[in-house]
Amino acid sequence: MRYTTSVPAAILTLLAAAACDSTPPVGPDARDASLNRAAPQGALHTPDDEFARVARAEVPGFAGFYLQNDGTPVVRLVDPSQRGAAQRYLAQHFVRARGGRHAGAPQQPVFVQAAYDFAQLRDWSEALHPLLGRGDVFLIDVDEAQNRVLVGVADATAIAAVRAQAASLGMPAAALHVQTQPRPQTRATVRDRFTTVVGGIQIAFGGYVCTQGFNAKRVSNGASIFVTNAHCTTTQYATDGVTIYQNTVAAGNAVGAEVADRGMYACVTGVASCRRADAAYISHNGTRTIGQGGIARTAWATGGPASLTVTGEYDIIGRYTGTLPVGTYLDKTGRTSGSTYGQVTNSCVTIGNLRCQDISKVWSEGGDSGSPVFVYIGGSGAAENDVQLHGVMWGGPGTDYTTTYSSRLVGIEADLGALNSLCRPGYGC
């Protein structure tokens, strides 16, 4: 759900200079009781179901497709004479696959001979599914890249059991690959409760959820705070002291209260009233450990939502101090769409009553409001997760999740006061 009515009219007036839609920006997301409801299994039509259907009814001998590291599509066929039919069916899939970091990938697919079509592999994999009840068989997959069924198990005993079951089904040995692997385990997502609070995780107030931006200290009094959007509080552009929770509004989950916000003010000749950031400072109440300089990291994506599973943390090692030219890549982590990145399309834009905002192709959705925005500079080894902090995202056109508006760190401080202790300890920012 994309909730926008808490966003004041002042920031909904989008000037033509912004070169963007005049629909409302992304606001906080109302907590939706349906988020954890799975659709009934009978109602689901998975990609495996679809590819099996195609192999039976549309492209005889179709065995699936995948992308090489450089984005080249590889199509597997039992019957090479079906190349034309396969290309017609996969045309839109190829278009979607050539986005993001594969934007320059070859358009023409490579065709590879297959021994088994997708429907055969799908039927064999389904027939092996009862083995998942053993406890030492962890996963079963139609592996289209290798044209076989892949089964992940705990040990040699499980390998023997899987192979015996496959033989009893008349499954060719070459159509099966069984491998040992660690037992799967659950991992935290950005929507879970964190004992150490970092940027990019879910916060809540009233009936809504947003995202924590980043931790810092106020230079004026040394108090520890974190930054989120002003519209992620009860009264935007006024310090109302609203209590903020992580991850949900519940007893024991309060982490702080709003301590700094401010009204509109005259900042530039010709602009009657403005601000430079949609931001507010939230005090830490001491109930959680502060993860200084940390931002939650998920498997990143561009042009669409990312995973919500936390795989580690980005390390803030500095402020981004460049001019942010068009074409610069920005990243963010938010509670709704995870870690996403995209290029700046308009730099230092006046959007409604907000001065010097940035417009980018970072994917964001309702509830991502307040997400930390940063420039990824990671290298190898210990520097792999290094980033420079740039600000917080606050919205985008109401019907276009591919476009994001964000406020700069320098604007946040201009509105609400100087900050330090933004970076990992030892980096001095």
Protein backbone atom coordinates (compact mmCIF):
# COMPACT_ATOMS: atom_id res chain seq x y z
CA MET A 1 0.00 0.00 0.00
CA ARG A 2 1.34 3.46 -0.90
CA TYR A 3 -0.02 5.88 1.68
CA THR A 4 0.36 9.57 0.82
CA THR A 5 -2.22 11.61 2.70
CA SER A 6 0.19 12.44 5.51
CA VAL A 7 2.40 14.36 3.07
CA PRO A 8 1.56 18.08 3.21
CA ALA A 9 0.51 20.02 0.16
CA ALA A 10 3.68 22.10 0.36
CA ILE A 11 5.80 19.34 -1.09
CA LEU A 12 3.21 18.04 -3.54
CA THR A 13 3.63 21.02 -5.90
CA LEU A 14 6.18 19.71 -8.35
CA LEU A 15 7.68 22.39 -10.52
CA ALA A 16 8.15 21.88 -14.23
CA ALA A 17 11.88 22.28 -13.71
CA ALA A 18 11.87 19.00 -11.85
CA ALA A 19 11.02 17.17 -15.09
CA CYS A 20 8.86 14.69 -13.20
CA ASP A 21 5.27 13.68 -12.55
CA SER A 22 2.99 15.90 -10.45
CA THR A 23 1.50 12.97 -8.57
CA PRO A 24 2.09 12.72 -4.80
CA PRO A 25 5.40 11.43 -3.51
CA VAL A 26 5.84 8.18 -1.63
CA GLY A 27 4.75 8.60 1.96
CA PRO A 28 4.87 6.32 4.97
CA ASP A 29 3.26 2.96 4.47
CA ALA A 30 0.26 1.91 6.56
CA ARG A 31 0.96 -1.44 8.20
CA ASP A 32 -0.91 -3.97 6.12
CA ALA A 33 -2.20 -7.07 7.87
CA SER A 34 -2.04 -8.89 4.55
CA LEU A 35 1.75 -8.59 4.26
CA ASN A 36 2.32 -11.95 5.92
CA ARG A 37 -0.58 -13.76 4.30
CA ALA A 38 0.55 -16.18 1.62
CA ALA A 39 -1.69 -16.82 -1.35
CA PRO A 40 -3.23 -20.30 -1.33
CA GLN A 41 -0.89 -22.72 -3.07
CA GLY A 42 -3.56 -23.73 -5.54
CA ALA A 43 -3.79 -20.12 -6.75
CA LEU A 44 -0.08 -19.80 -7.53
CA HIS A 45 1.33 -20.22 -11.02
CA THR A 46 5.09 -20.40 -10.66
CA PRO A 47 7.71 -19.88 -13.37
CA ASP A 48 8.34 -23.63 -13.28
CA ASP A 49 4.63 -24.24 -13.93
CA GLU A 50 4.77 -21.83 -16.85
CA PHE A 51 7.89 -23.31 -18.45
CA ALA A 52 6.45 -26.83 -18.11
CA ARG A 53 3.29 -25.61 -19.85
CA VAL A 54 5.33 -24.09 -22.65
CA ALA A 55 7.31 -27.31 -23.14
CA ARG A 56 4.08 -29.28 -23.45
CA ALA A 57 1.91 -26.94 -25.48
CA GLU A 58 3.80 -24.05 -27.08
CA VAL A 59 7.46 -24.84 -27.71
CA PRO A 60 7.92 -28.65 -27.80
CA GLY A 61 11.24 -29.60 -26.22
CA PHE A 62 11.70 -26.26 -24.44
CA ALA A 63 14.04 -26.80 -21.48
CA GLY A 64 14.28 -23.29 -20.01
CA PHE A 65 16.62 -20.34 -20.39
CA TYR A 66 19.16 -18.43 -18.29
CA LEU A 67 21.66 -15.56 -18.58
CA GLN A 68 25.41 -15.82 -18.80
CA ASN A 69 27.53 -13.54 -16.62
CA ASP A 70 27.60 -10.92 -19.37
CA GLY A 71 23.81 -11.09 -19.78
CA THR A 72 23.75 -13.22 -22.93
CA PRO A 73 20.54 -15.30 -22.89
CA VAL A 74 21.04 -19.05 -23.26
CA VAL A 75 18.07 -21.14 -24.41
CA ARG A 76 18.02 -24.92 -23.99
CA LEU A 77 16.05 -27.00 -26.49
CA VAL A 78 15.65 -30.73 -27.04
CA ASP A 79 14.52 -30.02 -30.61
CA PRO A 80 16.67 -27.39 -32.38
CA SER A 81 13.95 -26.87 -34.98
CA GLN A 82 11.96 -25.00 -32.31
CA ARG A 83 14.35 -22.03 -32.19
CA GLY A 84 11.92 -19.65 -33.85
CA ALA A 85 9.05 -20.60 -31.53
CA ALA A 86 11.33 -20.25 -28.51
CA GLN A 87 12.49 -16.78 -29.57
CA ARG A 88 8.92 -15.62 -30.08
CA TYR A 89 7.85 -16.90 -26.66
CA LEU A 90 10.90 -15.48 -24.86
CA ALA A 91 10.97 -12.07 -26.57
CA GLN A 92 9.58 -10.16 -23.59
CA HIS A 93 11.71 -12.14 -21.16
CA PHE A 94 14.79 -11.07 -23.11
CA VAL A 95 13.70 -7.42 -22.97
CA ARG A 96 13.30 -7.54 -19.19
CA ALA A 97 16.60 -9.38 -18.73
CA ARG A 98 18.54 -6.66 -20.55
CA GLY A 99 17.98 -4.07 -17.82
CA GLY A 100 20.26 -2.73 -15.09
CA ARG A 101 23.82 -4.01 -15.19
CA HIS A 102 23.00 -6.18 -18.19
CA ALA A 103 21.79 -3.23 -20.23
CA GLY A 104 24.55 -3.72 -22.80
CA ALA A 105 24.18 -7.49 -23.07
CA PRO A 106 23.94 -9.14 -26.49
CA GLN A 107 20.39 -9.29 -27.82
CA GLN A 108 20.75 -12.56 -29.69
CA PRO A 109 20.38 -15.72 -27.61
CA VAL A 110 22.68 -18.74 -27.67
CA PHE A 111 20.96 -22.08 -28.21
CA VAL A 112 22.23 -25.18 -26.40
CA GLN A 113 21.11 -28.77 -26.88
CA ALA A 114 19.13 -30.30 -24.01
CA ALA A 115 18.53 -33.96 -23.18
CA TYR A 116 15.31 -33.36 -21.22
CA ASP A 117 12.58 -30.80 -21.65
CA PHE A 118 11.33 -28.65 -18.79
CA ALA A 119 8.11 -30.61 -18.33
CA GLN A 120 10.04 -33.84 -17.80
CA LEU A 121 12.38 -32.26 -15.27
CA ARG A 122 9.46 -30.60 -13.50
CA ASP A 123 7.58 -33.91 -13.18
CA TRP A 124 10.63 -35.69 -11.80
CA SER A 125 11.32 -32.92 -9.31
CA GLU A 126 7.71 -33.00 -8.10
CA ALA A 127 7.89 -36.76 -7.67
CA LEU A 128 10.96 -36.33 -5.43
CA HIS A 129 9.28 -33.73 -3.20
CA PRO A 130 8.10 -36.26 -0.54
CA LEU A 131 11.80 -36.71 0.35
CA LEU A 132 11.79 -33.20 1.83
CA GLY A 133 9.96 -34.71 4.81
CA ARG A 134 13.05 -36.71 5.80
CA GLY A 135 14.77 -33.74 7.43
CA ASP A 136 18.11 -34.36 5.69
CA VAL A 137 16.91 -33.39 2.21
CA PHE A 138 16.94 -29.60 2.00
CA LEU A 139 16.03 -28.44 -1.50
CA ILE A 140 14.90 -29.63 -4.92
CA ASP A 141 15.27 -27.53 -8.04
CA VAL A 142 14.79 -27.77 -11.79
CA ASP A 143 18.28 -26.64 -12.81
CA GLU A 144 17.74 -25.24 -16.29
CA ALA A 145 21.38 -24.18 -16.68
CA GLN A 146 22.57 -27.78 -16.30
CA ASN A 147 19.41 -29.46 -17.66
CA ARG A 148 18.85 -31.65 -14.62
CA VAL A 149 17.14 -31.85 -11.26
CA LEU A 150 19.29 -30.56 -8.41
CA VAL A 151 18.80 -31.89 -4.87
CA GLY A 152 20.62 -30.46 -1.84
CA VAL A 153 21.11 -32.83 1.11
CA ALA A 154 22.94 -33.16 4.41
CA ASP A 155 25.19 -36.21 3.90
CA ALA A 156 25.96 -39.44 2.09
CA THR A 157 23.02 -41.25 3.68
CA ALA A 158 20.62 -38.75 2.15
CA ILE A 159 22.40 -38.95 -1.21
CA ALA A 160 21.80 -42.70 -1.30
CA ALA A 161 18.12 -42.26 -0.40
CA VAL A 162 17.57 -39.68 -3.14
CA ARG A 163 19.27 -41.75 -5.80
CA ALA A 164 17.28 -44.85 -4.82
CA GLN A 165 14.01 -42.93 -5.05
CA ALA A 166 14.96 -41.47 -8.41
CA ALA A 167 15.79 -44.92 -9.78
CA SER A 168 12.44 -46.24 -8.62
CA LEU A 169 10.76 -43.47 -10.66
CA GLY A 170 12.65 -44.48 -13.78
CA MET A 171 14.57 -41.22 -13.72
CA PRO A 172 17.82 -41.33 -15.76
CA ALA A 173 20.93 -40.96 -13.61
CA ALA A 174 22.16 -38.16 -15.86
CA ALA A 175 19.02 -36.14 -15.09
CA LEU A 176 19.85 -35.96 -11.36
CA HIS A 177 22.54 -34.13 -9.41
CA VAL A 178 22.68 -34.54 -5.64
CA GLN A 179 24.98 -32.35 -3.58
CA THR A 180 25.72 -31.96 0.12
CA GLN A 181 25.26 -28.52 1.63
CA PRO A 182 24.72 -26.74 4.98
CA ARG A 183 21.22 -26.88 6.42
CA PRO A 184 19.16 -23.84 5.38
CA GLN A 185 18.49 -21.30 8.12
CA THR A 186 16.29 -18.26 8.45
CA ARG A 187 17.85 -14.79 8.42
CA ALA A 188 16.67 -11.41 9.59
CA THR A 189 14.97 -9.03 7.19
CA VAL A 190 14.95 -5.24 7.31
CA ARG A 191 11.43 -5.47 8.79
CA ASP A 192 12.50 -7.47 11.85
CA ARG A 193 13.39 -6.28 15.34
CA PHE A 194 17.07 -5.31 15.71
CA THR A 195 18.96 -5.18 19.01
CA THR A 196 21.53 -2.94 17.29
CA VAL A 197 19.85 -0.20 15.26
CA VAL A 198 21.36 0.79 11.91
CA GLY A 199 20.16 2.64 8.84
CA GLY A 200 17.73 1.00 6.46
CA ILE A 201 15.55 -0.87 8.95
CA GLN A 202 11.85 -0.54 9.70
CA ILE A 203 10.57 2.04 12.16
CA ALA A 204 6.95 2.77 13.08
CA PHE A 205 4.73 5.50 14.49
CA GLY A 206 0.98 5.68 14.89
CA GLY A 207 -0.46 3.43 12.19
CA TYR A 208 2.43 3.72 9.74
CA VAL A 209 5.87 2.37 8.94
CA CYS A 210 8.92 4.15 7.52
CA THR A 211 12.67 3.53 7.39
CA GLN A 212 15.47 4.66 9.70
CA GLY A 213 17.94 6.82 7.82
CA PHE A 214 21.25 6.91 9.68
CA ASN A 215 22.69 7.36 13.18
CA ALA A 216 24.55 10.51 14.23
CA LYS A 217 25.23 12.93 17.09
CA ARG A 218 24.13 16.55 17.26
CA VAL A 219 27.09 18.90 17.38
CA SER A 220 25.08 21.38 19.49
CA ASN A 221 24.64 19.07 22.48
CA GLY A 222 26.35 15.75 21.73
CA ALA A 223 23.06 13.84 21.88
CA SER A 224 22.74 10.61 19.92
CA ILE A 225 19.99 10.72 17.31
CA PHE A 226 18.92 9.10 14.08
CA VAL A 227 17.50 10.76 10.99
CA THR A 228 14.32 9.93 9.13
CA ASN A 229 11.79 11.96 7.15
CA ALA A 230 9.78 14.78 8.71
CA HIS A 231 6.67 13.25 7.15
CA CYS A 232 7.41 10.08 9.16
CA THR A 233 6.23 11.94 12.27
CA THR A 234 2.76 13.00 13.36
CA THR A 235 3.14 16.67 12.37
CA GLN A 236 5.49 17.43 9.52
CA TYR A 237 7.63 20.54 9.86
CA ALA A 238 6.98 20.89 13.59
CA THR A 239 8.69 19.23 16.55
CA ASP A 240 5.85 17.25 18.12
CA GLY A 241 7.84 14.73 20.20
CA VAL A 242 6.12 11.73 18.63
CA THR A 243 7.40 8.35 19.85
CA ILE A 244 9.16 6.21 17.25
CA TYR A 245 9.28 2.43 17.48
CA GLN A 246 11.42 -0.31 15.94
CA ASN A 247 10.12 -2.45 14.35
CA THR A 248 6.40 -2.16 15.27
CA VAL A 249 4.31 -0.05 17.62
CA ALA A 250 4.28 -2.39 20.62
CA ALA A 251 5.28 -2.45 24.27
CA GLY A 252 9.06 -2.56 24.61
CA ASN A 253 9.70 -1.41 21.04
CA ALA A 254 10.00 2.36 21.59
CA VAL A 255 13.47 3.55 20.56
CA GLY A 256 13.14 7.33 20.73
CA ALA A 257 11.16 10.51 20.13
CA GLU A 258 11.31 13.42 17.70
CA VAL A 259 13.57 16.19 19.00
CA ALA A 260 14.13 18.41 15.95
CA ASP A 261 11.95 19.48 13.04
CA ARG A 262 11.13 22.99 11.87
CA GLY A 263 8.62 24.92 9.87
CA MET A 264 9.00 26.39 6.42
CA TYR A 265 11.15 29.49 6.23
CA ALA A 266 12.39 32.05 3.73
CA CYS A 267 15.73 30.78 2.40
CA VAL A 268 16.21 32.22 -1.09
CA THR A 269 15.07 35.47 -2.67
CA GLY A 270 11.98 34.79 -4.74
CA VAL A 271 10.99 31.68 -2.77
CA ALA A 272 8.56 32.75 -0.06
CA SER A 273 9.02 29.75 2.19
CA CYS A 274 11.18 26.65 1.80
CA ARG A 275 13.29 23.98 3.36
CA ARG A 276 16.26 22.03 2.13
CA ALA A 277 15.31 18.59 3.41
CA ASP A 278 12.37 16.42 4.38
CA ALA A 279 14.04 15.31 7.61
CA ALA A 280 13.63 15.10 11.37
CA TYR A 281 15.96 14.15 14.22
CA ILE A 282 14.85 11.34 16.53
CA SER A 283 16.48 10.85 19.94
CA HIS A 284 17.81 7.45 20.97
CA ASN A 285 16.29 6.41 24.30
CA GLY A 286 19.08 4.01 25.27
CA THR A 287 17.10 0.78 24.93
CA ARG A 288 19.06 -0.47 21.90
CA THR A 289 22.71 -0.51 20.88
CA ILE A 290 23.57 2.13 18.28
CA GLY A 291 25.31 0.76 15.20
CA GLN A 292 27.38 3.84 14.35
CA GLY A 293 28.08 4.16 10.64
CA GLY A 294 26.11 1.07 9.71
CA ILE A 295 23.43 0.59 7.05
CA ALA A 296 21.65 -2.73 6.55
CA ARG A 297 22.53 -4.43 3.29
CA THR A 298 20.46 -6.87 1.25
CA ALA A 299 21.18 -8.45 -2.12
CA TRP A 300 20.95 -5.31 -4.24
CA ALA A 301 18.82 -4.68 -7.31
CA THR A 302 18.12 -1.98 -9.85
CA GLY A 303 14.96 -1.31 -11.80
CA GLY A 304 12.87 -3.24 -9.29
CA PRO A 305 12.63 -4.22 -5.63
CA ALA A 306 15.46 -6.12 -3.96
CA SER A 307 15.51 -8.90 -1.41
CA LEU A 308 14.63 -7.94 2.18
CA THR A 309 16.98 -10.50 3.73
CA VAL A 310 19.89 -8.81 5.50
CA THR A 311 23.23 -10.16 4.27
CA GLY A 312 25.49 -7.71 6.09
CA GLU A 313 26.04 -3.98 6.50
CA TYR A 314 27.34 -1.12 4.43
CA ASP A 315 30.07 0.91 6.16
CA ILE A 316 29.77 4.70 6.06
CA ILE A 317 33.35 5.94 5.81
CA GLY A 318 32.71 9.51 4.69
CA ARG A 319 30.30 12.18 3.51
CA TYR A 320 29.69 12.48 -0.20
CA THR A 321 30.99 15.96 -1.02
CA GLY A 322 30.79 16.03 -4.81
CA THR A 323 28.30 17.99 -6.89
CA LEU A 324 26.42 14.79 -7.76
CA PRO A 325 26.36 15.11 -11.55
CA VAL A 326 23.58 13.54 -13.56
CA GLY A 327 24.54 9.93 -14.21
CA THR A 328 25.98 9.34 -10.73
CA TYR A 329 24.80 6.12 -9.13
CA LEU A 330 22.94 6.43 -5.83
CA ASP A 331 21.99 3.57 -3.52
CA LYS A 332 19.49 3.19 -0.72
CA THR A 333 18.23 0.53 1.69
CA GLY A 334 14.55 0.64 2.68
CA ARG A 335 12.14 -1.54 4.63
CA THR A 336 9.86 -2.15 1.63
CA SER A 337 12.20 -2.66 -1.33
CA GLY A 338 15.60 -3.42 0.22
CA SER A 339 18.94 -2.29 -1.23
CA THR A 340 18.41 -0.71 -4.67
CA TYR A 341 20.47 1.58 -6.86
CA GLY A 342 20.07 3.77 -9.93
CA GLN A 343 21.47 6.80 -11.71
CA VAL A 344 20.73 10.45 -10.98
CA THR A 345 18.53 11.96 -13.68
CA ASN A 346 18.15 15.50 -12.25
CA SER A 347 20.53 17.06 -9.73
CA CYS A 348 19.79 19.78 -7.15
CA VAL A 349 16.16 20.34 -8.15
CA THR A 350 13.53 22.45 -6.41
CA ILE A 351 10.59 20.16 -5.75
CA GLY A 352 7.63 22.05 -4.35
CA ASN A 353 8.93 23.86 -1.28
CA LEU A 354 12.08 21.76 -0.99
CA ARG A 355 15.27 23.22 -2.43
CA CYS A 356 18.17 21.28 -4.00
CA GLN A 357 16.67 17.81 -4.06
CA ASP A 358 17.85 14.99 -6.31
CA ILE A 359 15.87 12.78 -8.68
CA SER A 360 17.20 9.34 -9.45
CA LYS A 361 16.23 5.97 -10.86
CA VAL A 362 16.61 4.30 -7.47
CA TRP A 363 13.62 1.99 -6.97
CA SER A 364 11.53 2.91 -3.90
CA GLU A 365 8.05 2.15 -2.59
CA GLY A 366 5.71 3.18 0.20
CA GLY A 367 7.39 2.68 3.57
CA ASP A 368 10.88 3.31 2.15
CA SER A 369 10.51 6.96 3.22
CA GLY A 370 13.50 7.93 5.36
CA SER A 371 15.87 5.43 3.72
CA PRO A 372 19.56 6.35 3.81
CA VAL A 373 20.87 7.44 0.42
CA PHE A 374 24.55 6.92 -0.31
CA VAL A 375 27.21 6.55 -2.99
CA TYR A 376 28.71 3.08 -3.17
CA ILE A 377 32.50 3.17 -3.42
CA GLY A 378 33.21 -0.40 -2.32
CA GLY A 379 36.33 -2.13 -3.50
CA SER A 380 37.69 -5.52 -2.50
CA GLY A 381 38.39 -7.15 0.82
CA ALA A 382 37.69 -4.97 3.85
CA ALA A 383 36.56 -2.10 1.61
CA GLU A 384 33.86 -4.13 -0.12
CA ASN A 385 30.99 -2.43 1.76
CA ASP A 386 32.36 1.14 1.84
CA VAL A 387 29.92 3.97 1.10
CA GLN A 388 29.74 7.74 1.36
CA LEU A 389 26.58 9.12 2.98
CA HIS A 390 24.54 11.49 0.84
CA GLY A 391 21.19 11.97 2.60
CA VAL A 392 17.72 10.40 2.83
CA MET A 393 15.04 9.59 0.27
CA TRP A 394 11.55 10.91 0.85
CA GLY A 395 9.34 10.12 -2.14
CA GLY A 396 8.67 9.83 -5.81
CA PRO A 397 5.81 10.01 -8.30
CA GLY A 398 2.83 8.14 -6.92
CA THR A 399 2.61 5.73 -9.85
CA ASP A 400 6.30 5.41 -10.71
CA TYR A 401 8.41 3.37 -8.30
CA THR A 402 11.44 3.68 -10.58
CA THR A 403 11.84 7.37 -9.72
CA THR A 404 12.97 8.57 -6.30
CA TYR A 405 13.35 12.00 -4.72
CA SER A 406 15.97 12.53 -2.01
CA SER A 407 17.33 15.24 0.28
CA ARG A 408 21.02 15.90 0.77
CA LEU A 409 22.94 15.62 4.03
CA VAL A 410 24.11 19.21 3.72
CA GLY A 411 20.46 20.32 3.44
CA ILE A 412 19.45 18.24 6.46
CA GLU A 413 22.09 19.96 8.56
CA ALA A 414 21.18 23.39 7.18
CA ASP A 415 17.61 22.86 8.38
CA LEU A 416 18.15 21.05 11.67
CA GLY A 417 21.73 21.53 12.84
CA ALA A 418 25.21 20.09 12.34
CA LEU A 419 25.92 16.40 12.86
CA ASN A 420 28.95 14.26 13.55
CA SER A 421 29.66 10.59 14.38
CA LEU A 422 28.07 9.64 11.08
CA CYS A 423 30.81 7.22 10.07
CA ARG A 424 32.19 3.99 11.39
CA PRO A 425 34.42 4.66 14.42
CA GLY A 426 37.86 5.80 13.33
CA TYR A 427 36.80 7.61 10.16
CA GLY A 428 36.18 11.00 11.78
CA CYS A 429 33.03 12.21 10.10
